[in-house]
């Protein structure tokens, strides 16, 4: 355990209890006692079953499916904690929902990422912690402290072992689109690999078509890195394009495995060698039931972040890549 001015209490909603428990185990703290119930019409009711007056509270709640339910649940828990006189309310939201709606791409569209930040602040949160936002500028939507973590060190460490075990040097990191080049470059720098870029266009949301591949990838093992795998249609299309044009094994990796609809079926039936995701979003028995899926835990990293926040030490030091 660690020294803190105020007693620290961890809470979780219903979206990812396993991750919350893993974080609490890392910190040597118990999960706080709260009850979440619903009225007959579906309205959410929350009761904090212990005093939190004057305490530093961390609510661990990714806004994963069902997104609207978990966001509303988060807001209600934060409101309950504020009205119970918690000293500081820190919302740890490993997966930040609605982040893909961060700007108006067409007329008469909402900027829903900003709306969600307004709701979180209005509910009474004092700080937000998230991992690999779909759009980094969302940090600027908040007027309260925001800690932006990245799963890159955890993913890089995993691939360092994979590359070493394969004892091959022909590897390349691939960005699935032009917007992900920075993400691919940062991972490639850690792994000391070149990059390639897939040029694509989207005829409509959750659909894409590959136009071109920029860079050398033929005869090489490829690592496609993204922040989110949702329906898996886009990334599987990228895999099949690389394979058809001469790539060797193709791995896909993303921080957030949303895996909507038939995503798992697409991955399992594709040429993907292995799909690596983290535990920001909970899927029960996913590794046991899908041999291509590997889940990496971010609980140690998030636990260190909570410790740094409480003890007023650097969070950014936790995110440093090993060169």
C-alpha atoms as a PDB file:
ATOM      1  CA  UNK A   1       0.000   0.000   0.000  1.00  0.00           C
ATOM      2  CA  UNK A   2       1.062   3.641  -0.279  1.00  0.00           C
ATOM      3  CA  UNK A   3       0.894   6.774   1.833  1.00  0.00           C
ATOM      4  CA  UNK A   4      -1.899   9.227   1.052  1.00  0.00           C
ATOM      5  CA  UNK A   5      -3.253  12.325   2.737  1.00  0.00           C
ATOM      6  CA  UNK A   6      -6.830  11.087   2.416  1.00  0.00           C
ATOM      7  CA  UNK A   7      -8.055   7.511   2.482  1.00  0.00           C
ATOM      8  CA  UNK A   8      -8.324   6.118  -1.058  1.00  0.00           C
ATOM      9  CA  UNK A   9     -11.370   4.122  -2.120  1.00  0.00           C
ATOM     10  CA  UNK A  10     -11.907   2.350  -5.444  1.00  0.00           C
ATOM     11  CA  UNK A  11     -15.359   1.842  -6.932  1.00  0.00           C
ATOM     12  CA  UNK A  12     -16.591   0.256 -10.112  1.00  0.00           C
ATOM     13  CA  UNK A  13     -19.789   0.192 -12.074  1.00  0.00           C
ATOM     14  CA  UNK A  14     -21.010  -2.781 -14.049  1.00  0.00           C
ATOM     15  CA  UNK A  15     -18.991  -2.413 -17.274  1.00  0.00           C
ATOM     16  CA  UNK A  16     -15.658  -4.040 -16.345  1.00  0.00           C
ATOM     17  CA  UNK A  17     -15.604  -5.458 -12.829  1.00  0.00           C
ATOM     18  CA  UNK A  18     -12.707  -7.787 -13.616  1.00  0.00           C
ATOM     19  CA  UNK A  19     -10.364  -4.931 -14.573  1.00  0.00           C
ATOM     20  CA  UNK A  20     -11.410  -3.020 -11.452  1.00  0.00           C
ATOM     21  CA  UNK A  21     -10.701  -6.056  -9.282  1.00  0.00           C
ATOM     22  CA  UNK A  22      -7.306  -6.568 -10.930  1.00  0.00           C
ATOM     23  CA  UNK A  23      -6.413  -2.911 -10.280  1.00  0.00           C
ATOM     24  CA  UNK A  24      -7.523  -3.165  -6.661  1.00  0.00           C
ATOM     25  CA  UNK A  25      -5.406  -6.310  -6.239  1.00  0.00           C
ATOM     26  CA  UNK A  26      -2.378  -4.489  -7.679  1.00  0.00           C
ATOM     27  CA  UNK A  27      -2.853  -1.645  -5.189  1.00  0.00           C
ATOM     28  CA  UNK A  28      -3.760  -3.792  -2.228  1.00  0.00           C
ATOM     29  CA  UNK A  29      -7.046  -1.938  -1.841  1.00  0.00           C
ATOM     30  CA  UNK A  30     -10.544  -3.310  -1.557  1.00  0.00           C
ATOM     31  CA  UNK A  31     -13.292  -2.324  -3.947  1.00  0.00           C
ATOM     32  CA  UNK A  32     -15.820  -0.028  -2.303  1.00  0.00           C
ATOM     33  CA  UNK A  33     -19.363  -1.128  -1.567  1.00  0.00           C
ATOM     34  CA  UNK A  34     -22.095   0.278  -3.766  1.00  0.00           C
ATOM     35  CA  UNK A  35     -25.380  -1.057  -5.085  1.00  0.00           C
ATOM     36  CA  UNK A  36     -26.654  -0.492  -8.610  1.00  0.00           C
ATOM     37  CA  UNK A  37     -30.283  -1.318  -9.291  1.00  0.00           C
ATOM     38  CA  UNK A  38     -32.959  -0.361 -11.778  1.00  0.00           C
ATOM     39  CA  UNK A  39     -36.525   0.781 -11.523  1.00  0.00           C
ATOM     40  CA  UNK A  40     -39.173  -1.070 -13.517  1.00  0.00           C
ATOM     41  CA  UNK A  41     -38.843   1.388 -16.403  1.00  0.00           C
ATOM     42  CA  UNK A  42     -35.050   0.934 -16.592  1.00  0.00           C
ATOM     43  CA  UNK A  43     -33.957   4.039 -14.672  1.00  0.00           C
ATOM     44  CA  UNK A  44     -30.665   3.477 -12.868  1.00  0.00           C
ATOM     45  CA  UNK A  45     -30.471   3.809  -9.086  1.00  0.00           C
ATOM     46  CA  UNK A  46     -27.186   3.917  -7.162  1.00  0.00           C
ATOM     47  CA  UNK A  47     -26.495   3.813  -3.447  1.00  0.00           C
ATOM     48  CA  UNK A  48     -23.048   4.138  -1.848  1.00  0.00           C
ATOM     49  CA  UNK A  49     -23.157   1.735   1.103  1.00  0.00           C
ATOM     50  CA  UNK A  50     -20.382   3.360   3.158  1.00  0.00           C
ATOM     51  CA  UNK A  51     -19.106   6.792   4.038  1.00  0.00           C
ATOM     52  CA  UNK A  52     -16.853   8.522   1.529  1.00  0.00           C
ATOM     53  CA  UNK A  53     -16.735  11.896   3.261  1.00  0.00           C
ATOM     54  CA  UNK A  54     -13.307  13.459   2.797  1.00  0.00           C
ATOM     55  CA  UNK A  55     -11.924  10.489   0.827  1.00  0.00           C
ATOM     56  CA  UNK A  56     -10.155  10.334  -2.540  1.00  0.00           C
ATOM     57  CA  UNK A  57     -12.339   8.179  -4.750  1.00  0.00           C
ATOM     58  CA  UNK A  58     -11.450   6.453  -8.029  1.00  0.00           C
ATOM     59  CA  UNK A  59     -14.344   5.186 -10.123  1.00  0.00           C
ATOM     60  CA  UNK A  60     -13.159   2.579 -12.655  1.00  0.00           C
ATOM     61  CA  UNK A  61     -15.711   2.484 -15.455  1.00  0.00           C
ATOM     62  CA  UNK A  62     -14.995   2.158 -19.182  1.00  0.00           C
ATOM     63  CA  UNK A  63     -17.941   3.269 -21.294  1.00  0.00           C
ATOM     64  CA  UNK A  64     -18.172   0.055 -23.283  1.00  0.00           C
ATOM     65  CA  UNK A  65     -21.274  -1.653 -24.639  1.00  0.00           C
ATOM     66  CA  UNK A  66     -24.005  -0.787 -23.851  1.00  0.00           C
ATOM     67  CA  UNK A  67     -22.371   2.649 -24.136  1.00  0.00           C
ATOM     68  CA  UNK A  68     -25.386   4.758 -23.230  1.00  0.00           C
ATOM     69  CA  UNK A  69     -26.111   2.640 -20.150  1.00  0.00           C
ATOM     70  CA  UNK A  70     -22.539   2.738 -18.862  1.00  0.00           C
ATOM     71  CA  UNK A  71     -22.168   6.485 -19.453  1.00  0.00           C
ATOM     72  CA  UNK A  72     -25.393   7.168 -17.559  1.00  0.00           C
ATOM     73  CA  UNK A  73     -24.313   4.782 -14.808  1.00  0.00           C
ATOM     74  CA  UNK A  74     -21.002   6.670 -14.533  1.00  0.00           C
ATOM     75  CA  UNK A  75     -22.721  10.034 -14.216  1.00  0.00           C
ATOM     76  CA  UNK A  76     -25.102   8.782 -11.535  1.00  0.00           C
ATOM     77  CA  UNK A  77     -22.309   7.209  -9.481  1.00  0.00           C
ATOM     78  CA  UNK A  78     -20.260  10.426  -9.693  1.00  0.00           C
ATOM     79  CA  UNK A  79     -23.294  12.451  -8.595  1.00  0.00           C
ATOM     80  CA  UNK A  80     -23.852  10.109  -5.649  1.00  0.00           C
ATOM     81  CA  UNK A  81     -20.208  10.412  -4.593  1.00  0.00           C
ATOM     82  CA  UNK A  82     -20.293  14.214  -4.861  1.00  0.00           C
ATOM     83  CA  UNK A  83     -23.437  14.446  -2.765  1.00  0.00           C
ATOM     84  CA  UNK A  84     -21.799  12.113  -0.222  1.00  0.00           C
ATOM     85  CA  UNK A  85     -18.953  14.670   0.202  1.00  0.00           C
ATOM     86  CA  UNK A  86     -16.097  12.740  -1.358  1.00  0.00           C
ATOM     87  CA  UNK A  87     -12.931  14.849  -1.314  1.00  0.00           C
ATOM     88  CA  UNK A  88     -11.819  14.105  -4.886  1.00  0.00           C
ATOM     89  CA  UNK A  89     -13.686  12.124  -7.538  1.00  0.00           C
ATOM     90  CA  UNK A  90     -11.398  10.600 -10.175  1.00  0.00           C
ATOM     91  CA  UNK A  91     -13.107   8.884 -13.102  1.00  0.00           C
ATOM     92  CA  UNK A  92     -10.873   6.167 -14.582  1.00  0.00           C
ATOM     93  CA  UNK A  93     -12.400   5.551 -18.007  1.00  0.00           C
ATOM     94  CA  UNK A  94      -9.988   3.201 -19.832  1.00  0.00           C
ATOM     95  CA  UNK A  95     -12.247   3.177 -22.885  1.00  0.00           C
ATOM     96  CA  UNK A  96     -13.768   6.583 -23.613  1.00  0.00           C
ATOM     97  CA  UNK A  97     -17.008   6.160 -25.529  1.00  0.00           C
ATOM     98  CA  UNK A  98     -18.180   8.579 -28.228  1.00  0.00           C
ATOM     99  CA  UNK A  99     -14.556   9.560 -28.921  1.00  0.00           C
ATOM    100  CA  UNK A 100     -15.067   8.902 -32.631  1.00  0.00           C
ATOM    101  CA  UNK A 101     -17.476  11.831 -32.791  1.00  0.00           C
ATOM    102  CA  UNK A 102     -14.901  14.514 -31.983  1.00  0.00           C
ATOM    103  CA  UNK A 103     -15.710  16.995 -34.761  1.00  0.00           C
ATOM    104  CA  UNK A 104     -18.333  17.874 -37.369  1.00  0.00           C
ATOM    105  CA  UNK A 105     -17.438  16.064 -40.563  1.00  0.00           C
ATOM    106  CA  UNK A 106     -20.704  17.124 -42.187  1.00  0.00           C
ATOM    107  CA  UNK A 107     -23.252  19.840 -41.566  1.00  0.00           C
ATOM    108  CA  UNK A 108     -25.806  19.485 -38.766  1.00  0.00           C
ATOM    109  CA  UNK A 109     -23.841  16.816 -36.881  1.00  0.00           C
ATOM    110  CA  UNK A 110     -23.154  16.805 -33.115  1.00  0.00           C
ATOM    111  CA  UNK A 111     -19.737  16.802 -31.463  1.00  0.00           C
ATOM    112  CA  UNK A 112     -20.695  14.064 -29.036  1.00  0.00           C
ATOM    113  CA  UNK A 113     -17.216  13.660 -27.520  1.00  0.00           C
ATOM    114  CA  UNK A 114     -17.530  17.214 -26.214  1.00  0.00           C
ATOM    115  CA  UNK A 115     -21.049  16.557 -24.941  1.00  0.00           C
ATOM    116  CA  UNK A 116     -19.795  13.614 -22.882  1.00  0.00           C
ATOM    117  CA  UNK A 117     -17.013  15.735 -21.354  1.00  0.00           C
ATOM    118  CA  UNK A 118     -19.598  18.362 -20.378  1.00  0.00           C
ATOM    119  CA  UNK A 119     -21.743  15.705 -18.710  1.00  0.00           C
ATOM    120  CA  UNK A 120     -18.817  14.240 -16.746  1.00  0.00           C
ATOM    121  CA  UNK A 121     -17.771  17.675 -15.485  1.00  0.00           C
ATOM    122  CA  UNK A 122     -21.346  18.672 -14.635  1.00  0.00           C
ATOM    123  CA  UNK A 123     -21.800  15.455 -12.632  1.00  0.00           C
ATOM    124  CA  UNK A 124     -18.903  16.501 -10.397  1.00  0.00           C
ATOM    125  CA  UNK A 125     -15.758  14.680 -11.502  1.00  0.00           C
ATOM    126  CA  UNK A 126     -12.460  16.295 -10.467  1.00  0.00           C
ATOM    127  CA  UNK A 127     -10.194  14.322 -12.815  1.00  0.00           C
ATOM    128  CA  UNK A 128     -10.477  11.874 -15.713  1.00  0.00           C
ATOM    129  CA  UNK A 129      -8.024   9.135 -16.683  1.00  0.00           C
ATOM    130  CA  UNK A 130      -8.314   7.382 -20.033  1.00  0.00           C
ATOM    131  CA  UNK A 131      -6.269   5.197 -22.365  1.00  0.00           C
ATOM    132  CA  UNK A 132      -5.531   5.818 -26.058  1.00  0.00           C
ATOM    133  CA  UNK A 133      -8.276   8.226 -27.010  1.00  0.00           C
ATOM    134  CA  UNK A 134      -9.425   7.874 -30.597  1.00  0.00           C
ATOM    135  CA  UNK A 135      -8.644  11.571 -31.002  1.00  0.00           C
ATOM    136  CA  UNK A 136      -5.990  12.990 -28.661  1.00  0.00           C
ATOM    137  CA  UNK A 137      -7.440  16.500 -28.875  1.00  0.00           C
ATOM    138  CA  UNK A 138     -10.382  15.366 -26.735  1.00  0.00           C
ATOM    139  CA  UNK A 139      -8.117  16.087 -23.764  1.00  0.00           C
ATOM    140  CA  UNK A 140      -8.640  19.749 -24.583  1.00  0.00           C
ATOM    141  CA  UNK A 141     -12.405  19.395 -24.259  1.00  0.00           C
ATOM    142  CA  UNK A 142     -11.988  19.051 -20.485  1.00  0.00           C
ATOM    143  CA  UNK A 143     -11.514  21.921 -18.045  1.00  0.00           C
ATOM    144  CA  UNK A 144     -10.440  19.518 -15.290  1.00  0.00           C
ATOM    145  CA  UNK A 145      -7.175  17.512 -15.120  1.00  0.00           C
ATOM    146  CA  UNK A 146      -7.004  14.732 -17.684  1.00  0.00           C
ATOM    147  CA  UNK A 147      -4.394  11.949 -17.723  1.00  0.00           C
ATOM    148  CA  UNK A 148      -4.009  10.336 -21.134  1.00  0.00           C
ATOM    149  CA  UNK A 149      -2.381   6.911 -20.871  1.00  0.00           C
ATOM    150  CA  UNK A 150      -1.228   4.689 -23.711  1.00  0.00           C
ATOM    151  CA  UNK A 151      -1.085   0.929 -24.033  1.00  0.00           C
ATOM    152  CA  UNK A 152       1.890   1.199 -26.394  1.00  0.00           C
ATOM    153  CA  UNK A 153       4.546   0.076 -23.850  1.00  0.00           C
ATOM    154  CA  UNK A 154       2.497  -3.022 -22.994  1.00  0.00           C
ATOM    155  CA  UNK A 155       1.845  -3.891 -26.651  1.00  0.00           C
ATOM    156  CA  UNK A 156       5.479  -3.207 -27.602  1.00  0.00           C
ATOM    157  CA  UNK A 157       6.751  -5.474 -24.832  1.00  0.00           C
ATOM    158  CA  UNK A 158       4.518  -8.275 -26.108  1.00  0.00           C
ATOM    159  CA  UNK A 159       5.755  -7.946 -29.691  1.00  0.00           C
ATOM    160  CA  UNK A 160       9.378  -7.773 -28.589  1.00  0.00           C
ATOM    161  CA  UNK A 161       8.896 -11.308 -27.249  1.00  0.00           C
ATOM    162  CA  UNK A 162       7.053 -12.458 -30.383  1.00  0.00           C
ATOM    163  CA  UNK A 163       9.806 -11.150 -32.657  1.00  0.00           C
ATOM    164  CA  UNK A 164      12.499 -12.702 -30.486  1.00  0.00           C
ATOM    165  CA  UNK A 165      10.723 -16.080 -30.425  1.00  0.00           C
ATOM    166  CA  UNK A 166      10.310 -16.072 -34.219  1.00  0.00           C
ATOM    167  CA  UNK A 167      13.999 -15.239 -34.618  1.00  0.00           C
ATOM    168  CA  UNK A 168      13.232 -13.317 -37.798  1.00  0.00           C
ATOM    169  CA  UNK A 169      14.206  -9.773 -38.712  1.00  0.00           C
ATOM    170  CA  UNK A 170      11.830  -9.041 -41.581  1.00  0.00           C
ATOM    171  CA  UNK A 171       9.075  -7.197 -39.718  1.00  0.00           C
ATOM    172  CA  UNK A 172       7.162  -4.010 -40.456  1.00  0.00           C
ATOM    173  CA  UNK A 173       4.591  -1.978 -38.487  1.00  0.00           C
ATOM    174  CA  UNK A 174       1.582  -1.039 -40.592  1.00  0.00           C
ATOM    175  CA  UNK A 175      -0.805   1.871 -40.079  1.00  0.00           C
ATOM    176  CA  UNK A 176      -4.330   0.899 -41.219  1.00  0.00           C
ATOM    177  CA  UNK A 177      -4.955   4.456 -42.470  1.00  0.00           C
ATOM    178  CA  UNK A 178      -3.293   7.831 -42.892  1.00  0.00           C
ATOM    179  CA  UNK A 179      -4.698   9.048 -39.576  1.00  0.00           C
ATOM    180  CA  UNK A 180      -2.892   6.332 -37.627  1.00  0.00           C
ATOM    181  CA  UNK A 181       0.608   7.038 -38.942  1.00  0.00           C
ATOM    182  CA  UNK A 182       1.798   8.670 -35.711  1.00  0.00           C
ATOM    183  CA  UNK A 183       0.620   5.679 -33.684  1.00  0.00           C
ATOM    184  CA  UNK A 184       2.394   3.274 -36.026  1.00  0.00           C
ATOM    185  CA  UNK A 185       5.567   5.371 -36.046  1.00  0.00           C
ATOM    186  CA  UNK A 186       5.764   5.450 -32.240  1.00  0.00           C
ATOM    187  CA  UNK A 187       5.403   1.656 -31.988  1.00  0.00           C
ATOM    188  CA  UNK A 188       7.883   1.148 -34.837  1.00  0.00           C
ATOM    189  CA  UNK A 189      10.438   3.363 -33.110  1.00  0.00           C
ATOM    190  CA  UNK A 190      10.230   1.262 -29.946  1.00  0.00           C
ATOM    191  CA  UNK A 191      10.585  -1.985 -31.910  1.00  0.00           C
ATOM    192  CA  UNK A 192      13.206  -0.493 -34.284  1.00  0.00           C
ATOM    193  CA  UNK A 193      11.133  -1.417 -37.329  1.00  0.00           C
ATOM    194  CA  UNK A 194      10.127   0.372 -40.545  1.00  0.00           C
ATOM    195  CA  UNK A 195       6.510   1.339 -41.220  1.00  0.00           C
ATOM    196  CA  UNK A 196       4.031   0.971 -44.071  1.00  0.00           C
ATOM    197  CA  UNK A 197       0.758   2.829 -44.536  1.00  0.00           C
ATOM    198  CA  UNK A 198      -2.549   1.647 -45.955  1.00  0.00           C
ATOM    199  CA  UNK A 199      -4.430   4.264 -47.938  1.00  0.00           C
ATOM    200  CA  UNK A 200      -8.186   3.728 -47.769  1.00  0.00           C
ATOM    201  CA  UNK A 201     -11.484   5.511 -47.998  1.00  0.00           C
ATOM    202  CA  UNK A 202     -14.760   5.084 -46.117  1.00  0.00           C
ATOM    203  CA  UNK A 203     -17.943   5.040 -48.201  1.00  0.00           C
ATOM    204  CA  UNK A 204     -19.909   4.981 -44.920  1.00  0.00           C
ATOM    205  CA  UNK A 205     -19.270   4.431 -41.151  1.00  0.00           C
ATOM    206  CA  UNK A 206     -17.749   1.035 -40.233  1.00  0.00           C
ATOM    207  CA  UNK A 207     -16.970   0.305 -43.892  1.00  0.00           C
ATOM    208  CA  UNK A 208     -13.751   0.870 -45.812  1.00  0.00           C
ATOM    209  CA  UNK A 209     -11.963  -0.003 -49.024  1.00  0.00           C
ATOM    210  CA  UNK A 210      -8.195  -0.246 -49.518  1.00  0.00           C
ATOM    211  CA  UNK A 211      -6.787   1.955 -52.285  1.00  0.00           C
ATOM    212  CA  UNK A 212      -3.031   1.474 -51.916  1.00  0.00           C
ATOM    213  CA  UNK A 213      -0.241   0.352 -49.580  1.00  0.00           C
ATOM    214  CA  UNK A 214       2.667   2.749 -49.100  1.00  0.00           C
ATOM    215  CA  UNK A 215       5.959   1.165 -48.052  1.00  0.00           C
ATOM    216  CA  UNK A 216       7.772  -2.169 -48.229  1.00  0.00           C
ATOM    217  CA  UNK A 217       5.911  -5.119 -46.743  1.00  0.00           C
ATOM    218  CA  UNK A 218       6.233  -8.005 -49.226  1.00  0.00           C
ATOM    219  CA  UNK A 219       7.978 -11.004 -47.710  1.00  0.00           C
ATOM    220  CA  UNK A 220       7.741  -9.486 -44.220  1.00  0.00           C
ATOM    221  CA  UNK A 221       5.738 -10.182 -41.078  1.00  0.00           C
ATOM    222  CA  UNK A 222       3.335  -7.293 -40.494  1.00  0.00           C
ATOM    223  CA  UNK A 223       1.952  -5.729 -37.312  1.00  0.00           C
ATOM    224  CA  UNK A 224      -1.148  -3.628 -37.983  1.00  0.00           C
ATOM    225  CA  UNK A 225      -1.660  -1.283 -35.031  1.00  0.00           C
ATOM    226  CA  UNK A 226      -4.865   0.648 -34.317  1.00  0.00           C
ATOM    227  CA  UNK A 227      -6.641   2.124 -31.300  1.00  0.00           C
ATOM    228  CA  UNK A 228      -9.995   0.370 -31.794  1.00  0.00           C
ATOM    229  CA  UNK A 229     -11.181  -2.842 -33.400  1.00  0.00           C
ATOM    230  CA  UNK A 230     -14.943  -2.480 -33.709  1.00  0.00           C
ATOM    231  CA  UNK A 231     -16.620  -4.590 -36.385  1.00  0.00           C
ATOM    232  CA  UNK A 232     -13.152  -5.731 -37.589  1.00  0.00           C
ATOM    233  CA  UNK A 233     -14.224  -5.236 -41.209  1.00  0.00           C
ATOM    234  CA  UNK A 234     -11.641  -2.529 -41.911  1.00  0.00           C
ATOM    235  CA  UNK A 235      -8.699  -4.250 -40.283  1.00  0.00           C
ATOM    236  CA  UNK A 236      -9.505  -7.677 -41.761  1.00  0.00           C
ATOM    237  CA  UNK A 237      -9.709  -6.070 -45.226  1.00  0.00           C
ATOM    238  CA  UNK A 238      -6.247  -4.641 -44.580  1.00  0.00           C
ATOM    239  CA  UNK A 239      -4.934  -8.057 -43.539  1.00  0.00           C
ATOM    240  CA  UNK A 240      -6.273  -9.757 -46.655  1.00  0.00           C
ATOM    241  CA  UNK A 241      -4.809  -7.029 -48.877  1.00  0.00           C
ATOM    242  CA  UNK A 242      -1.366  -7.421 -47.315  1.00  0.00           C
ATOM    243  CA  UNK A 243      -1.500 -11.202 -47.568  1.00  0.00           C
ATOM    244  CA  UNK A 244      -2.682 -11.172 -51.174  1.00  0.00           C
ATOM    245  CA  UNK A 245       0.174  -8.865 -52.133  1.00  0.00           C
ATOM    246  CA  UNK A 246       2.958 -10.903 -50.554  1.00  0.00           C
ATOM    247  CA  UNK A 247       3.081 -10.332 -46.808  1.00  0.00           C
ATOM    248  CA  UNK A 248       4.018 -13.238 -44.550  1.00  0.00           C
ATOM    249  CA  UNK A 249       2.196 -13.503 -41.191  1.00  0.00           C
ATOM    250  CA  UNK A 250      -0.018 -10.544 -40.309  1.00  0.00           C
ATOM    251  CA  UNK A 251      -0.720  -9.659 -36.670  1.00  0.00           C
ATOM    252  CA  UNK A 252      -3.320  -7.087 -35.637  1.00  0.00           C
ATOM    253  CA  UNK A 253      -3.232  -5.139 -32.400  1.00  0.00           C
ATOM    254  CA  UNK A 254      -5.420  -2.507 -30.788  1.00  0.00           C
ATOM    255  CA  UNK A 255      -5.916  -1.055 -27.344  1.00  0.00           C
ATOM    256  CA  UNK A 256      -9.697  -1.340 -27.344  1.00  0.00           C
ATOM    257  CA  UNK A 257     -11.363  -4.526 -28.511  1.00  0.00           C
ATOM    258  CA  UNK A 258     -14.912  -3.291 -29.032  1.00  0.00           C
ATOM    259  CA  UNK A 259     -15.611  -6.333 -31.245  1.00  0.00           C
ATOM    260  CA  UNK A 260     -19.164  -5.509 -32.248  1.00  0.00           C
ATOM    261  CA  UNK A 261     -21.480  -7.799 -34.181  1.00  0.00           C
ATOM    262  CA  UNK A 262     -19.651 -10.520 -36.107  1.00  0.00           C
ATOM    263  CA  UNK A 263     -16.167  -9.114 -35.435  1.00  0.00           C
ATOM    264  CA  UNK A 264     -14.854 -12.263 -33.777  1.00  0.00           C
ATOM    265  CA  UNK A 265     -16.173 -14.438 -36.597  1.00  0.00           C
ATOM    266  CA  UNK A 266     -14.448 -12.186 -39.147  1.00  0.00           C
ATOM    267  CA  UNK A 267     -11.145 -12.390 -37.288  1.00  0.00           C
ATOM    268  CA  UNK A 268     -11.304 -16.136 -36.763  1.00  0.00           C
ATOM    269  CA  UNK A 269     -12.156 -16.767 -40.424  1.00  0.00           C
ATOM    270  CA  UNK A 270      -9.480 -14.408 -41.757  1.00  0.00           C
ATOM    271  CA  UNK A 271      -5.773 -14.730 -42.484  1.00  0.00           C
ATOM    272  CA  UNK A 272      -4.931 -12.969 -39.206  1.00  0.00           C
ATOM    273  CA  UNK A 273      -2.114 -14.764 -37.399  1.00  0.00           C
ATOM    274  CA  UNK A 274      -3.000 -13.285 -33.987  1.00  0.00           C
ATOM    275  CA  UNK A 275      -5.187 -10.472 -32.665  1.00  0.00           C
ATOM    276  CA  UNK A 276      -3.839  -8.636 -29.617  1.00  0.00           C
ATOM    277  CA  UNK A 277      -6.125  -6.408 -27.535  1.00  0.00           C
ATOM    278  CA  UNK A 278      -6.080  -5.144 -23.951  1.00  0.00           C
ATOM    279  CA  UNK A 279      -8.594  -5.544 -21.150  1.00  0.00           C
ATOM    280  CA  UNK A 280     -10.054  -2.018 -21.306  1.00  0.00           C
ATOM    281  CA  UNK A 281     -13.270  -3.693 -22.478  1.00  0.00           C
ATOM    282  CA  UNK A 282     -14.458  -6.910 -20.860  1.00  0.00           C
ATOM    283  CA  UNK A 283     -15.345  -9.971 -22.954  1.00  0.00           C
ATOM    284  CA  UNK A 284     -16.065 -13.102 -20.982  1.00  0.00           C
ATOM    285  CA  UNK A 285     -13.960 -16.169 -21.888  1.00  0.00           C
ATOM    286  CA  UNK A 286     -12.768 -14.497 -25.079  1.00  0.00           C
ATOM    287  CA  UNK A 287      -9.292 -16.083 -25.093  1.00  0.00           C
ATOM    288  CA  UNK A 288     -10.605 -19.528 -24.216  1.00  0.00           C
ATOM    289  CA  UNK A 289     -13.195 -19.450 -27.007  1.00  0.00           C
ATOM    290  CA  UNK A 290     -11.113 -17.713 -29.698  1.00  0.00           C
ATOM    291  CA  UNK A 291      -7.624 -19.091 -30.272  1.00  0.00           C
ATOM    292  CA  UNK A 292      -6.499 -16.085 -32.324  1.00  0.00           C
ATOM    293  CA  UNK A 293      -7.270 -13.598 -29.533  1.00  0.00           C
ATOM    294  CA  UNK A 294      -4.705 -12.533 -26.914  1.00  0.00           C
ATOM    295  CA  UNK A 295      -5.674 -10.097 -24.141  1.00  0.00           C
ATOM    296  CA  UNK A 296      -2.999  -8.023 -22.401  1.00  0.00           C
ATOM    297  CA  UNK A 297      -3.706  -6.536 -18.975  1.00  0.00           C
ATOM    298  CA  UNK A 298      -3.422  -2.801 -18.320  1.00  0.00           C
ATOM    299  CA  UNK A 299      -4.210  -3.228 -14.619  1.00  0.00           C
ATOM    300  CA  UNK A 300      -0.568  -2.774 -13.476  1.00  0.00           C
ATOM    301  CA  UNK A 301      -0.194   0.416 -15.521  1.00  0.00           C
ATOM    302  CA  UNK A 302      -3.491   1.898 -14.328  1.00  0.00           C
ATOM    303  CA  UNK A 303      -2.667   0.953 -10.733  1.00  0.00           C
ATOM    304  CA  UNK A 304       0.657   2.793 -11.003  1.00  0.00           C
ATOM    305  CA  UNK A 305      -1.194   5.803 -12.420  1.00  0.00           C
ATOM    306  CA  UNK A 306      -3.607   5.872  -9.495  1.00  0.00           C
ATOM    307  CA  UNK A 307      -0.672   5.642  -7.098  1.00  0.00           C
ATOM    308  CA  UNK A 308       1.066   8.531  -8.880  1.00  0.00           C
ATOM    309  CA  UNK A 309      -2.058  10.697  -8.728  1.00  0.00           C
ATOM    310  CA  UNK A 310      -2.500  10.068  -5.024  1.00  0.00           C
ATOM    311  CA  UNK A 311       1.167  10.633  -4.171  1.00  0.00           C
ATOM    312  CA  UNK A 312       1.632  13.609  -6.540  1.00  0.00           C
ATOM    313  CA  UNK A 313       4.346  11.958  -8.618  1.00  0.00           C
ATOM    314  CA  UNK A 314       4.782  11.946 -12.399  1.00  0.00           C
ATOM    315  CA  UNK A 315       2.237  10.042 -14.466  1.00  0.00           C
ATOM    316  CA  UNK A 316       4.118  10.640 -17.708  1.00  0.00           C
ATOM    317  CA  UNK A 317       7.113   8.669 -16.397  1.00  0.00           C
ATOM    318  CA  UNK A 318       4.895   5.551 -16.380  1.00  0.00           C
ATOM    319  CA  UNK A 319       4.280   5.995 -20.116  1.00  0.00           C
ATOM    320  CA  UNK A 320       7.912   6.220 -21.179  1.00  0.00           C
ATOM    321  CA  UNK A 321       8.833   3.807 -23.939  1.00  0.00           C
ATOM    322  CA  UNK A 322      11.830   1.541 -23.580  1.00  0.00           C
ATOM    323  CA  UNK A 323      14.194   2.471 -26.405  1.00  0.00           C
END
